[in-house]
Amino acid sequence: MVRKSALMPKIGGQIYEHRRRRNLTVRELAARSGVSHSTISLIERDKMSPSIDTLGAILDALGLTLSGFFSGHDSGQRYSPFYRSEDLVEIGRIDAISYRVVGFDFPHRNMMVLHERYKPGTNTGNLFSHVAQEAGIVISGAVEVTVGDQTRVLERGDSYYFDSRVPHAFKNVSDGESEIFSAISPPTY
């Protein structure tokens, strides 16, 4: 289960600081953004979490982008650099292909690290692509990996690294479960 506090960083102080640096009053920022001054005041004091649209309007009025705003943001949330097996968040299906994420609550993850488990006969389906790079090493079993027009069966200790914009797919060709330890950067899967 994901803790809500890990996903909802306090951003009010940072918005206040950007407004202060620009010598804007709350009412001036409200006039520029179309967001009421009372809402801005509540957001700056972390009494209200803004919607994406509201935050976007405020940041636009400050000359900032959402990605730029969050790229330097420190959530202030404490986290442990260590994760027990039960701490890994499942984003797949344990009855088919399990994708367990290492460091799901790490602020501003720049990569996605996965422990993948493929039940016998499972596959990722049709070739797909996304903007990233992927690397992995087969821990157990045998996995057929297709990248573009190349296909290879990888077994324990074999690995891969490719540009994820090239269509790709994975298939467990072992009689038992197959496991992969992988990383995707940026975390776009």
N, C-alpha and C. Protein backbone atom coordinates (compact mmCIF):
# COMPACT_ATOMS: atom_id res chain seq x y z
N MET A 1 0.83 -1.18 0.00
CA MET A 1 0.00 0.00 0.00
C MET A 1 0.88 1.25 0.00
N VAL A 2 0.54 2.22 -0.82
CA VAL A 2 1.31 3.45 -0.94
C VAL A 2 0.82 4.45 0.10
N ARG A 3 1.74 5.01 0.85
CA ARG A 3 1.36 6.03 1.83
C ARG A 3 1.04 7.31 1.08
N LYS A 4 -0.12 7.90 1.41
CA LYS A 4 -0.54 9.12 0.73
C LYS A 4 0.46 10.25 0.94
N SER A 5 1.07 10.34 2.12
CA SER A 5 2.01 11.42 2.38
C SER A 5 3.22 11.35 1.46
N ALA A 6 3.58 10.15 1.02
CA ALA A 6 4.72 10.01 0.11
C ALA A 6 4.40 10.56 -1.28
N LEU A 7 3.10 10.59 -1.62
CA LEU A 7 2.70 11.06 -2.94
C LEU A 7 2.27 12.51 -2.95
N MET A 8 2.01 13.10 -1.80
CA MET A 8 1.49 14.45 -1.71
C MET A 8 2.49 15.36 -0.98
N PRO A 9 3.55 15.78 -1.65
CA PRO A 9 4.53 16.62 -0.98
C PRO A 9 3.95 17.99 -0.66
N LYS A 10 4.48 18.61 0.36
CA LYS A 10 4.08 19.97 0.72
C LYS A 10 4.81 20.93 -0.21
N ILE A 11 4.03 21.75 -0.92
CA ILE A 11 4.61 22.61 -1.94
C ILE A 11 4.38 24.09 -1.66
N GLY A 12 3.59 24.39 -0.63
CA GLY A 12 3.21 25.77 -0.35
C GLY A 12 4.38 26.70 -0.14
N GLY A 13 5.35 26.27 0.63
CA GLY A 13 6.52 27.12 0.90
C GLY A 13 7.29 27.45 -0.36
N GLN A 14 7.37 26.49 -1.27
CA GLN A 14 8.09 26.73 -2.51
C GLN A 14 7.31 27.73 -3.40
N ILE A 15 6.00 27.62 -3.45
CA ILE A 15 5.21 28.58 -4.22
C ILE A 15 5.37 29.97 -3.61
N TYR A 16 5.27 30.04 -2.29
CA TYR A 16 5.46 31.33 -1.60
C TYR A 16 6.81 31.95 -1.97
N GLU A 17 7.86 31.12 -1.93
CA GLU A 17 9.21 31.62 -2.21
C GLU A 17 9.32 32.14 -3.64
N HIS A 18 8.75 31.45 -4.60
CA HIS A 18 8.77 31.92 -6.00
C HIS A 18 7.99 33.23 -6.13
N ARG A 19 6.87 33.34 -5.44
CA ARG A 19 6.07 34.58 -5.48
C ARG A 19 6.85 35.73 -4.85
N ARG A 20 7.49 35.44 -3.72
CA ARG A 20 8.27 36.46 -3.01
C ARG A 20 9.43 36.96 -3.87
N ARG A 21 10.13 36.05 -4.52
CA ARG A 21 11.27 36.43 -5.38
C ARG A 21 10.84 37.34 -6.52
N ARG A 22 9.59 37.23 -6.92
CA ARG A 22 9.09 38.05 -8.01
C ARG A 22 8.39 39.32 -7.51
N ASN A 23 8.45 39.52 -6.20
CA ASN A 23 7.84 40.69 -5.57
C ASN A 23 6.36 40.84 -5.90
N LEU A 24 5.65 39.73 -5.88
CA LEU A 24 4.21 39.74 -6.14
C LEU A 24 3.45 39.55 -4.84
N THR A 25 2.36 40.27 -4.71
CA THR A 25 1.46 40.02 -3.58
C THR A 25 0.58 38.84 -3.96
N VAL A 26 -0.12 38.30 -2.96
CA VAL A 26 -1.05 37.20 -3.23
C VAL A 26 -2.12 37.67 -4.21
N ARG A 27 -2.60 38.89 -4.03
CA ARG A 27 -3.65 39.41 -4.93
C ARG A 27 -3.13 39.61 -6.35
N GLU A 28 -1.88 40.02 -6.50
CA GLU A 28 -1.31 40.17 -7.85
C GLU A 28 -1.17 38.81 -8.54
N LEU A 29 -0.73 37.81 -7.79
CA LEU A 29 -0.63 36.47 -8.35
C LEU A 29 -2.01 35.94 -8.70
N ALA A 30 -2.99 36.23 -7.87
CA ALA A 30 -4.37 35.81 -8.14
C ALA A 30 -4.88 36.43 -9.44
N ALA A 31 -4.62 37.72 -9.62
CA ALA A 31 -5.07 38.40 -10.85
C ALA A 31 -4.39 37.80 -12.08
N ARG A 32 -3.11 37.49 -11.97
CA ARG A 32 -2.37 36.92 -13.11
C ARG A 32 -2.80 35.49 -13.44
N SER A 33 -3.10 34.71 -12.40
CA SER A 33 -3.36 33.28 -12.59
C SER A 33 -4.83 32.95 -12.77
N GLY A 34 -5.72 33.82 -12.30
CA GLY A 34 -7.14 33.50 -12.35
C GLY A 34 -7.57 32.61 -11.20
N VAL A 35 -6.69 32.41 -10.22
CA VAL A 35 -6.99 31.62 -9.02
C VAL A 35 -7.24 32.60 -7.89
N SER A 36 -8.26 32.37 -7.09
CA SER A 36 -8.61 33.33 -6.03
C SER A 36 -7.45 33.50 -5.04
N HIS A 37 -7.37 34.71 -4.47
CA HIS A 37 -6.30 34.98 -3.52
C HIS A 37 -6.43 34.11 -2.28
N SER A 38 -7.65 33.79 -1.88
CA SER A 38 -7.82 32.94 -0.70
C SER A 38 -7.32 31.52 -0.97
N THR A 39 -7.54 31.02 -2.18
CA THR A 39 -7.03 29.69 -2.54
C THR A 39 -5.51 29.69 -2.55
N ILE A 40 -4.91 30.71 -3.14
CA ILE A 40 -3.44 30.80 -3.16
C ILE A 40 -2.89 30.85 -1.74
N SER A 41 -3.53 31.62 -0.89
CA SER A 41 -3.10 31.71 0.50
C SER A 41 -3.15 30.34 1.19
N LEU A 42 -4.23 29.61 0.98
CA LEU A 42 -4.36 28.28 1.58
C LEU A 42 -3.29 27.32 1.04
N ILE A 43 -3.02 27.39 -0.26
CA ILE A 43 -2.01 26.52 -0.87
C ILE A 43 -0.63 26.84 -0.31
N GLU A 44 -0.31 28.14 -0.21
CA GLU A 44 1.00 28.53 0.31
C GLU A 44 1.22 28.09 1.76
N ARG A 45 0.15 27.99 2.52
CA ARG A 45 0.26 27.55 3.91
C ARG A 45 0.07 26.04 4.05
N ASP A 46 0.02 25.33 2.90
CA ASP A 46 -0.19 23.88 2.87
C ASP A 46 -1.46 23.46 3.59
N LYS A 47 -2.48 24.31 3.49
CA LYS A 47 -3.79 23.99 4.06
C LYS A 47 -4.70 23.39 2.99
N MET A 48 -4.25 23.46 1.72
CA MET A 48 -5.03 22.94 0.61
C MET A 48 -4.06 22.40 -0.43
N SER A 49 -4.39 21.24 -1.00
CA SER A 49 -3.61 20.69 -2.11
C SER A 49 -4.29 21.11 -3.41
N PRO A 50 -3.56 21.79 -4.29
CA PRO A 50 -4.19 22.26 -5.52
C PRO A 50 -4.39 21.13 -6.53
N SER A 51 -5.39 21.31 -7.39
CA SER A 51 -5.53 20.39 -8.52
C SER A 51 -4.39 20.68 -9.49
N ILE A 52 -4.17 19.80 -10.43
CA ILE A 52 -3.12 20.01 -11.43
C ILE A 52 -3.41 21.29 -12.22
N ASP A 53 -4.69 21.52 -12.57
CA ASP A 53 -5.05 22.72 -13.34
C ASP A 53 -4.75 23.99 -12.54
N THR A 54 -5.12 23.99 -11.26
CA THR A 54 -4.88 25.16 -10.42
C THR A 54 -3.38 25.41 -10.25
N LEU A 55 -2.64 24.35 -9.96
CA LEU A 55 -1.19 24.49 -9.81
C LEU A 55 -0.57 24.97 -11.12
N GLY A 56 -1.03 24.42 -12.23
CA GLY A 56 -0.53 24.84 -13.53
C GLY A 56 -0.76 26.32 -13.79
N ALA A 57 -1.94 26.82 -13.43
CA ALA A 57 -2.25 28.24 -13.62
C ALA A 57 -1.35 29.13 -12.76
N ILE A 58 -1.13 28.72 -11.52
CA ILE A 58 -0.27 29.49 -10.62
C ILE A 58 1.17 29.49 -11.14
N LEU A 59 1.66 28.33 -11.51
CA LEU A 59 3.04 28.24 -12.00
C LEU A 59 3.22 29.00 -13.31
N ASP A 60 2.22 28.95 -14.18
CA ASP A 60 2.28 29.71 -15.43
C ASP A 60 2.38 31.20 -15.14
N ALA A 61 1.62 31.67 -14.17
CA ALA A 61 1.66 33.09 -13.80
C ALA A 61 3.02 33.46 -13.19
N LEU A 62 3.72 32.48 -12.65
CA LEU A 62 5.04 32.72 -12.08
C LEU A 62 6.15 32.47 -13.11
N GLY A 63 5.76 32.05 -14.32
CA GLY A 63 6.74 31.78 -15.36
C GLY A 63 7.45 30.45 -15.19
N LEU A 64 6.79 29.51 -14.54
CA LEU A 64 7.37 28.19 -14.29
C LEU A 64 6.56 27.11 -14.99
N THR A 65 7.18 25.97 -15.20
CA THR A 65 6.48 24.80 -15.73
C THR A 65 6.31 23.79 -14.61
N LEU A 66 5.37 22.87 -14.79
CA LEU A 66 5.19 21.81 -13.79
C LEU A 66 6.45 20.98 -13.63
N SER A 67 7.05 20.58 -14.75
CA SER A 67 8.24 19.74 -14.64
C SER A 67 9.41 20.50 -14.01
N GLY A 68 9.57 21.75 -14.37
CA GLY A 68 10.63 22.55 -13.78
C GLY A 68 10.42 22.76 -12.29
N PHE A 69 9.18 22.98 -11.91
CA PHE A 69 8.85 23.20 -10.50
C PHE A 69 9.19 21.97 -9.67
N PHE A 70 8.80 20.78 -10.17
CA PHE A 70 9.02 19.57 -9.39
C PHE A 70 10.42 19.01 -9.51
N SER A 71 11.18 19.41 -10.53
CA SER A 71 12.52 18.85 -10.69
C SER A 71 13.44 19.25 -9.55
N GLY A 72 13.24 20.40 -8.97
CA GLY A 72 14.09 20.81 -7.87
C GLY A 72 13.40 20.72 -6.53
N HIS A 73 12.24 20.10 -6.50
CA HIS A 73 11.43 20.06 -5.29
C HIS A 73 11.88 18.94 -4.36
N ASP A 74 12.08 19.27 -3.13
CA ASP A 74 12.39 18.28 -2.11
C ASP A 74 11.15 18.14 -1.26
N SER A 75 10.55 16.97 -1.26
CA SER A 75 9.28 16.77 -0.56
C SER A 75 9.42 16.92 0.95
N GLY A 76 10.63 16.80 1.48
CA GLY A 76 10.79 16.90 2.92
C GLY A 76 10.37 15.63 3.63
N GLN A 77 9.81 14.68 2.90
CA GLN A 77 9.38 13.43 3.51
C GLN A 77 10.60 12.57 3.79
N ARG A 78 10.62 11.97 4.96
CA ARG A 78 11.72 11.06 5.27
C ARG A 78 11.43 9.73 4.60
N TYR A 79 12.46 9.11 4.12
CA TYR A 79 12.32 7.80 3.52
C TYR A 79 13.56 7.01 3.88
N SER A 80 13.42 5.72 3.82
CA SER A 80 14.56 4.86 4.07
C SER A 80 15.17 4.47 2.74
N PRO A 81 16.49 4.40 2.64
CA PRO A 81 17.11 3.94 1.40
C PRO A 81 17.04 2.42 1.25
N PHE A 82 16.44 1.74 2.22
CA PHE A 82 16.39 0.28 2.22
C PHE A 82 14.94 -0.19 2.15
N TYR A 83 14.72 -1.27 1.43
CA TYR A 83 13.36 -1.79 1.23
C TYR A 83 13.34 -3.29 1.46
N ARG A 84 12.47 -3.71 2.35
CA ARG A 84 12.27 -5.14 2.57
C ARG A 84 11.40 -5.67 1.43
N SER A 85 11.40 -6.93 1.24
CA SER A 85 10.63 -7.55 0.16
C SER A 85 9.16 -7.11 0.20
N GLU A 86 8.59 -7.07 1.39
CA GLU A 86 7.17 -6.70 1.50
C GLU A 86 6.91 -5.21 1.23
N ASP A 87 7.96 -4.39 1.16
CA ASP A 87 7.81 -2.96 0.86
C ASP A 87 7.70 -2.67 -0.64
N LEU A 88 8.06 -3.63 -1.48
CA LEU A 88 8.02 -3.40 -2.91
C LEU A 88 6.58 -3.32 -3.40
N VAL A 89 6.26 -2.26 -4.13
CA VAL A 89 4.89 -2.03 -4.60
C VAL A 89 4.66 -2.80 -5.89
N GLU A 90 3.58 -3.55 -5.92
CA GLU A 90 3.21 -4.35 -7.10
C GLU A 90 2.43 -3.48 -8.08
N ILE A 91 2.93 -3.40 -9.33
CA ILE A 91 2.20 -2.64 -10.35
C ILE A 91 1.77 -3.55 -11.51
N GLY A 92 2.02 -4.85 -11.37
CA GLY A 92 1.61 -5.80 -12.39
C GLY A 92 0.52 -6.70 -11.84
N ARG A 93 0.58 -7.97 -12.25
CA ARG A 93 -0.38 -8.97 -11.76
C ARG A 93 0.40 -10.17 -11.29
N ILE A 94 0.25 -10.53 -10.03
CA ILE A 94 1.03 -11.63 -9.47
C ILE A 94 0.64 -12.97 -10.09
N ASP A 95 -0.54 -13.06 -10.72
CA ASP A 95 -0.95 -14.32 -11.34
C ASP A 95 -0.46 -14.45 -12.78
N ALA A 96 0.22 -13.44 -13.32
CA ALA A 96 0.72 -13.47 -14.70
C ALA A 96 2.14 -12.92 -14.74
N ILE A 97 2.25 -11.60 -14.90
CA ILE A 97 3.56 -10.95 -14.86
C ILE A 97 3.56 -9.97 -13.71
N SER A 98 4.41 -10.23 -12.75
CA SER A 98 4.54 -9.38 -11.57
C SER A 98 5.65 -8.36 -11.80
N TYR A 99 5.33 -7.10 -11.56
CA TYR A 99 6.33 -6.03 -11.62
C TYR A 99 6.35 -5.38 -10.24
N ARG A 100 7.40 -5.64 -9.46
CA ARG A 100 7.51 -5.05 -8.12
C ARG A 100 8.55 -3.95 -8.17
N VAL A 101 8.15 -2.73 -7.76
CA VAL A 101 8.98 -1.53 -7.88
C VAL A 101 9.81 -1.33 -6.63
N VAL A 102 11.10 -1.15 -6.84
CA VAL A 102 12.02 -0.81 -5.76
C VAL A 102 12.02 0.70 -5.61
N GLY A 103 11.82 1.20 -4.40
CA GLY A 103 11.89 2.64 -4.15
C GLY A 103 10.72 3.43 -4.69
N PHE A 104 9.53 2.85 -4.67
CA PHE A 104 8.34 3.53 -5.20
C PHE A 104 8.11 4.89 -4.56
N ASP A 105 8.41 5.01 -3.26
CA ASP A 105 8.17 6.27 -2.55
C ASP A 105 9.38 7.20 -2.54
N PHE A 106 10.44 6.86 -3.28
CA PHE A 106 11.62 7.72 -3.34
C PHE A 106 11.26 9.00 -4.07
N PRO A 107 11.53 10.17 -3.47
CA PRO A 107 11.15 11.43 -4.13
C PRO A 107 11.95 11.65 -5.41
N HIS A 108 11.25 12.01 -6.46
CA HIS A 108 11.86 12.38 -7.76
C HIS A 108 12.71 11.27 -8.35
N ARG A 109 12.14 10.07 -8.38
CA ARG A 109 12.85 8.94 -8.98
C ARG A 109 13.23 9.27 -10.42
N ASN A 110 14.46 9.00 -10.81
CA ASN A 110 14.91 9.18 -12.18
C ASN A 110 14.98 7.87 -12.93
N MET A 111 14.72 6.79 -12.23
CA MET A 111 14.69 5.48 -12.88
C MET A 111 13.69 4.61 -12.15
N MET A 112 13.23 3.60 -12.85
CA MET A 112 12.33 2.62 -12.27
C MET A 112 13.10 1.31 -12.19
N VAL A 113 13.23 0.78 -10.99
CA VAL A 113 13.92 -0.48 -10.78
C VAL A 113 12.85 -1.51 -10.44
N LEU A 114 12.86 -2.62 -11.19
CA LEU A 114 11.81 -3.62 -11.07
C LEU A 114 12.37 -5.01 -10.78
N HIS A 115 11.63 -5.76 -9.98
CA HIS A 115 11.83 -7.20 -9.85
C HIS A 115 10.65 -7.81 -10.60
N GLU A 116 10.93 -8.40 -11.76
CA GLU A 116 9.89 -8.94 -12.63
C GLU A 116 9.82 -10.46 -12.48
N ARG A 117 8.60 -10.99 -12.41
CA ARG A 117 8.38 -12.44 -12.36
C ARG A 117 7.34 -12.81 -13.41
N TYR A 118 7.71 -13.74 -14.27
CA TYR A 118 6.84 -14.19 -15.36
C TYR A 118 6.39 -15.62 -15.08
N LYS A 119 5.09 -15.83 -14.96
CA LYS A 119 4.56 -17.19 -14.80
C LYS A 119 4.77 -17.94 -16.11
N PRO A 120 4.80 -19.27 -16.07
CA PRO A 120 5.00 -20.05 -17.30
C PRO A 120 3.99 -19.66 -18.38
N GLY A 121 4.49 -19.47 -19.61
CA GLY A 121 3.63 -19.17 -20.75
C GLY A 121 3.17 -17.72 -20.88
N THR A 122 3.56 -16.85 -19.95
CA THR A 122 3.10 -15.46 -20.03
C THR A 122 4.00 -14.62 -20.93
N ASN A 123 3.42 -13.54 -21.46
CA ASN A 123 4.17 -12.61 -22.29
C ASN A 123 3.57 -11.23 -22.16
N THR A 124 4.29 -10.24 -22.61
CA THR A 124 3.83 -8.85 -22.50
C THR A 124 2.88 -8.45 -23.62
N GLY A 125 2.59 -9.37 -24.55
CA GLY A 125 1.65 -9.08 -25.63
C GLY A 125 2.36 -8.49 -26.83
N ASN A 126 1.63 -7.68 -27.58
CA ASN A 126 2.18 -7.07 -28.79
C ASN A 126 3.38 -6.20 -28.46
N LEU A 127 4.23 -5.99 -29.46
CA LEU A 127 5.37 -5.09 -29.28
C LEU A 127 4.87 -3.72 -28.85
N PHE A 128 5.57 -3.07 -27.93
CA PHE A 128 5.21 -1.73 -27.47
C PHE A 128 6.46 -0.90 -27.32
N SER A 129 6.28 0.41 -27.21
CA SER A 129 7.44 1.30 -27.05
C SER A 129 7.06 2.46 -26.14
N HIS A 130 8.08 3.11 -25.61
CA HIS A 130 7.92 4.30 -24.76
C HIS A 130 9.27 5.00 -24.74
N VAL A 131 9.30 6.23 -24.29
CA VAL A 131 10.53 7.01 -24.31
C VAL A 131 11.35 6.72 -23.05
N ALA A 132 12.39 5.91 -23.21
CA ALA A 132 13.25 5.55 -22.09
C ALA A 132 14.39 4.68 -22.61
N GLN A 133 15.20 4.22 -21.68
CA GLN A 133 16.18 3.18 -21.92
C GLN A 133 15.92 2.10 -20.89
N GLU A 134 16.14 0.84 -21.28
CA GLU A 134 15.90 -0.29 -20.38
C GLU A 134 17.12 -1.18 -20.32
N ALA A 135 17.33 -1.75 -19.16
CA ALA A 135 18.38 -2.74 -18.97
C ALA A 135 17.88 -3.77 -17.98
N GLY A 136 18.36 -4.98 -18.12
CA GLY A 136 17.95 -6.01 -17.18
C GLY A 136 18.87 -7.21 -17.24
N ILE A 137 18.76 -8.03 -16.21
CA ILE A 137 19.52 -9.27 -16.15
C ILE A 137 18.56 -10.38 -15.71
N VAL A 138 18.62 -11.50 -16.40
CA VAL A 138 17.77 -12.63 -16.07
C VAL A 138 18.34 -13.30 -14.82
N ILE A 139 17.50 -13.44 -13.81
CA ILE A 139 17.91 -14.07 -12.55
C ILE A 139 17.67 -15.57 -12.60
N SER A 140 16.53 -15.95 -13.21
CA SER A 140 16.21 -17.38 -13.32
C SER A 140 15.28 -17.60 -14.50
N GLY A 141 15.25 -18.85 -14.99
CA GLY A 141 14.37 -19.19 -16.10
C GLY A 141 14.95 -18.81 -17.44
N ALA A 142 14.06 -18.61 -18.40
CA ALA A 142 14.46 -18.24 -19.76
C ALA A 142 13.41 -17.30 -20.33
N VAL A 143 13.85 -16.16 -20.82
CA VAL A 143 12.95 -15.14 -21.34
C VAL A 143 13.33 -14.80 -22.77
N GLU A 144 12.35 -14.87 -23.65
CA GLU A 144 12.57 -14.45 -25.04
C GLU A 144 12.32 -12.95 -25.11
N VAL A 145 13.35 -12.21 -25.51
CA VAL A 145 13.25 -10.75 -25.59
C VAL A 145 13.32 -10.36 -27.06
N THR A 146 12.34 -9.59 -27.51
CA THR A 146 12.33 -9.08 -28.87
C THR A 146 12.49 -7.57 -28.81
N VAL A 147 13.45 -7.06 -29.56
CA VAL A 147 13.68 -5.62 -29.67
C VAL A 147 13.79 -5.32 -31.16
N GLY A 148 12.78 -4.61 -31.69
CA GLY A 148 12.75 -4.36 -33.12
C GLY A 148 12.65 -5.66 -33.88
N ASP A 149 13.57 -5.91 -34.80
CA ASP A 149 13.55 -7.15 -35.59
C ASP A 149 14.51 -8.20 -35.04
N GLN A 150 15.01 -8.00 -33.81
CA GLN A 150 15.93 -8.96 -33.20
C GLN A 150 15.24 -9.67 -32.03
N THR A 151 15.44 -10.99 -31.98
CA THR A 151 14.88 -11.80 -30.89
C THR A 151 15.96 -12.71 -30.36
N ARG A 152 16.01 -12.81 -29.03
CA ARG A 152 16.99 -13.70 -28.41
C ARG A 152 16.38 -14.28 -27.14
N VAL A 153 16.70 -15.55 -26.86
CA VAL A 153 16.31 -16.17 -25.59
C VAL A 153 17.45 -15.93 -24.61
N LEU A 154 17.11 -15.29 -23.50
CA LEU A 154 18.10 -14.99 -22.46
C LEU A 154 17.85 -15.91 -21.27
N GLU A 155 18.93 -16.47 -20.73
CA GLU A 155 18.85 -17.36 -19.58
C GLU A 155 19.61 -16.75 -18.41
N ARG A 156 19.61 -17.43 -17.28
CA ARG A 156 20.23 -16.93 -16.06
C ARG A 156 21.61 -16.32 -16.34
N GLY A 157 21.77 -15.04 -15.92
CA GLY A 157 23.03 -14.34 -16.08
C GLY A 157 23.11 -13.52 -17.36
N ASP A 158 22.25 -13.82 -18.35
CA ASP A 158 22.23 -13.03 -19.59
C ASP A 158 21.53 -11.70 -19.33
N SER A 159 21.84 -10.71 -20.16
CA SER A 159 21.26 -9.39 -19.91
C SER A 159 20.92 -8.67 -21.21
N TYR A 160 20.29 -7.52 -21.08
CA TYR A 160 19.92 -6.69 -22.22
C TYR A 160 20.02 -5.22 -21.84
N TYR A 161 20.14 -4.38 -22.85
CA TYR A 161 20.12 -2.92 -22.69
C TYR A 161 19.68 -2.37 -24.04
N PHE A 162 18.60 -1.59 -24.07
CA PHE A 162 18.12 -1.07 -25.35
C PHE A 162 17.36 0.24 -25.17
N ASP A 163 17.17 0.93 -26.29
CA ASP A 163 16.37 2.15 -26.35
C ASP A 163 14.91 1.72 -26.42
N SER A 164 14.12 2.10 -25.43
CA SER A 164 12.73 1.65 -25.32
C SER A 164 11.81 2.24 -26.39
N ARG A 165 12.31 3.20 -27.17
CA ARG A 165 11.50 3.72 -28.27
C ARG A 165 11.39 2.69 -29.38
N VAL A 166 12.31 1.71 -29.39
CA VAL A 166 12.23 0.61 -30.34
C VAL A 166 11.19 -0.38 -29.80
N PRO A 167 10.20 -0.76 -30.60
CA PRO A 167 9.17 -1.69 -30.12
C PRO A 167 9.81 -2.98 -29.57
N HIS A 168 9.27 -3.44 -28.43
CA HIS A 168 9.86 -4.59 -27.76
C HIS A 168 8.80 -5.41 -27.03
N ALA A 169 9.15 -6.64 -26.69
CA ALA A 169 8.25 -7.54 -25.97
C ALA A 169 9.06 -8.60 -25.24
N PHE A 170 8.45 -9.19 -24.22
CA PHE A 170 9.08 -10.23 -23.40
C PHE A 170 8.14 -11.43 -23.31
N LYS A 171 8.73 -12.63 -23.30
CA LYS A 171 7.94 -13.86 -23.21
C LYS A 171 8.70 -14.89 -22.39
N ASN A 172 8.03 -15.49 -21.41
CA ASN A 172 8.65 -16.56 -20.63
C ASN A 172 8.59 -17.84 -21.46
N VAL A 173 9.75 -18.37 -21.82
CA VAL A 173 9.81 -19.61 -22.60
C VAL A 173 10.31 -20.78 -21.74
N SER A 174 10.35 -20.58 -20.44
CA SER A 174 10.77 -21.61 -19.49
C SER A 174 9.55 -22.42 -19.06
N ASP A 175 9.79 -23.64 -18.58
CA ASP A 175 8.69 -24.45 -18.04
C ASP A 175 8.23 -23.95 -16.68
N GLY A 176 9.08 -23.18 -16.02
CA GLY A 176 8.75 -22.63 -14.71
C GLY A 176 8.71 -21.11 -14.76
N GLU A 177 8.72 -20.53 -13.59
CA GLU A 177 8.72 -19.06 -13.48
C GLU A 177 10.07 -18.52 -13.91
N SER A 178 10.06 -17.37 -14.57
CA SER A 178 11.30 -16.67 -14.93
C SER A 178 11.32 -15.34 -14.19
N GLU A 179 12.54 -14.91 -13.82
CA GLU A 179 12.71 -13.65 -13.10
C GLU A 179 13.74 -12.77 -13.79
N ILE A 180 13.45 -11.47 -13.77
CA ILE A 180 14.36 -10.46 -14.31
C ILE A 180 14.49 -9.35 -13.28
N PHE A 181 15.69 -8.83 -13.13
CA PHE A 181 15.91 -7.61 -12.37
C PHE A 181 16.20 -6.55 -13.42
N SER A 182 15.39 -5.46 -13.46
CA SER A 182 15.51 -4.49 -14.54
C SER A 182 15.46 -3.06 -14.04
N ALA A 183 15.87 -2.16 -14.94
CA ALA A 183 15.81 -0.72 -14.66
C ALA A 183 15.37 0.00 -15.92
N ILE A 184 14.54 1.03 -15.74
CA ILE A 184 14.04 1.86 -16.84
C ILE A 184 14.27 3.31 -16.46
N SER A 185 14.89 4.06 -17.37
CA SER A 185 15.16 5.47 -17.09
C SER A 185 14.88 6.32 -18.33
N PRO A 186 14.08 7.39 -18.18
CA PRO A 186 13.30 7.75 -17.01
C PRO A 186 12.18 6.74 -16.77
N PRO A 187 11.56 6.79 -15.60
CA PRO A 187 10.54 5.78 -15.24
C PRO A 187 9.23 6.00 -16.00
N THR A 188 9.19 5.56 -17.27
CA THR A 188 8.04 5.83 -18.12
C THR A 188 7.17 4.62 -18.38
N TYR A 189 7.51 3.48 -17.84
CA TYR A 189 6.72 2.27 -18.13
C TYR A 189 5.44 2.29 -17.35
